[in-house]
C-alpha cells in the first residue's frame, strides 16, 4: 500500500518538497493509495500523473 511515507521518500530522493496540509492528511487516511496514485506515477516517470 502506498503511504505518505513512501511518497515522501520518493520526493526526497528527487529533491522535491511535498507539502500536504495536516487536515488533508487526516482526511485521506486510509485512502493514500488512490489519493497519490497519480503523484507516484509522475514521480516514477511512468506518466504525467493525470
C-alpha atoms as a PDB file:
ATOM      1  CA  UNK A   1       0.000   0.000   0.000  1.00  0.00           C
ATOM      2  CA  UNK A   2       1.235   3.455  -0.877  1.00  0.00           C
ATOM      3  CA  UNK A   3       1.588   5.702   2.147  1.00  0.00           C
ATOM      4  CA  UNK A   4       2.607   9.281   2.811  1.00  0.00           C
ATOM      5  CA  UNK A   5       5.957   7.999   3.992  1.00  0.00           C
ATOM      6  CA  UNK A   6       6.696   6.171   0.739  1.00  0.00           C
ATOM      7  CA  UNK A   7       5.680   9.207  -1.329  1.00  0.00           C
ATOM      8  CA  UNK A   8       7.834  11.437   0.857  1.00  0.00           C
ATOM      9  CA  UNK A   9      10.796   9.095   0.366  1.00  0.00           C
ATOM     10  CA  UNK A  10      10.468   9.322  -3.418  1.00  0.00           C
ATOM     11  CA  UNK A  11      10.119  13.102  -3.219  1.00  0.00           C
ATOM     12  CA  UNK A  12      13.183  13.357  -1.003  1.00  0.00           C
ATOM     13  CA  UNK A  13      15.233  11.208  -3.378  1.00  0.00           C
ATOM     14  CA  UNK A  14      14.327  13.620  -6.205  1.00  0.00           C
ATOM     15  CA  UNK A  15      14.903  16.752  -4.067  1.00  0.00           C
ATOM     16  CA  UNK A  16      11.202  17.659  -4.263  1.00  0.00           C
ATOM     17  CA  UNK A  17       9.402  19.178  -1.299  1.00  0.00           C
ATOM     18  CA  UNK A  18       5.975  17.658  -0.691  1.00  0.00           C
ATOM     19  CA  UNK A  19       3.632  19.888   1.287  1.00  0.00           C
ATOM     20  CA  UNK A  20       0.298  18.461   2.417  1.00  0.00           C
ATOM     21  CA  UNK A  21      -1.819  20.275   4.988  1.00  0.00           C
ATOM     22  CA  UNK A  22      -2.373  18.189   8.159  1.00  0.00           C
ATOM     23  CA  UNK A  23      -6.168  18.347   7.649  1.00  0.00           C
ATOM     24  CA  UNK A  24      -5.757  16.813   4.186  1.00  0.00           C
ATOM     25  CA  UNK A  25      -3.509  14.089   5.601  1.00  0.00           C
ATOM     26  CA  UNK A  26      -6.183  13.206   8.166  1.00  0.00           C
ATOM     27  CA  UNK A  27      -8.941  13.325   5.557  1.00  0.00           C
ATOM     28  CA  UNK A  28      -7.267  10.830   3.221  1.00  0.00           C
ATOM     29  CA  UNK A  29      -6.012   8.498   5.963  1.00  0.00           C
ATOM     30  CA  UNK A  30      -6.664   5.016   4.680  1.00  0.00           C
ATOM     31  CA  UNK A  31      -7.054   6.236   1.079  1.00  0.00           C
ATOM     32  CA  UNK A  32      -3.452   7.252   0.465  1.00  0.00           C
ATOM     33  CA  UNK A  33      -3.015   4.794  -2.399  1.00  0.00           C
ATOM     34  CA  UNK A  34      -5.851   6.178  -4.504  1.00  0.00           C
ATOM     35  CA  UNK A  35      -5.051   9.753  -3.487  1.00  0.00           C
ATOM     36  CA  UNK A  36      -1.398   9.507  -4.523  1.00  0.00           C
ATOM     37  CA  UNK A  37      -1.545   7.119  -7.474  1.00  0.00           C
ATOM     38  CA  UNK A  38      -1.099   9.981  -9.963  1.00  0.00           C
ATOM     39  CA  UNK A  39       1.728  11.509  -7.946  1.00  0.00           C
ATOM     40  CA  UNK A  40       3.507   8.181  -7.657  1.00  0.00           C
ATOM     41  CA  UNK A  41       3.249   7.573 -11.418  1.00  0.00           C
ATOM     42  CA  UNK A  42       4.523  11.080 -12.156  1.00  0.00           C
ATOM     43  CA  UNK A  43       7.467  10.741  -9.768  1.00  0.00           C
ATOM     44  CA  UNK A  44       8.421   7.370 -11.242  1.00  0.00           C
ATOM     45  CA  UNK A  45       8.267   8.844 -14.763  1.00  0.00           C
ATOM     46  CA  UNK A  46       5.517   6.457 -15.836  1.00  0.00           C
ATOM     47  CA  UNK A  47       3.011   9.132 -16.893  1.00  0.00           C
ATOM     48  CA  UNK A  48       2.134  12.779 -16.430  1.00  0.00           C
ATOM     49  CA  UNK A  49       0.088  11.800 -13.361  1.00  0.00           C
ATOM     50  CA  UNK A  50      -3.295  12.768 -14.784  1.00  0.00           C
END
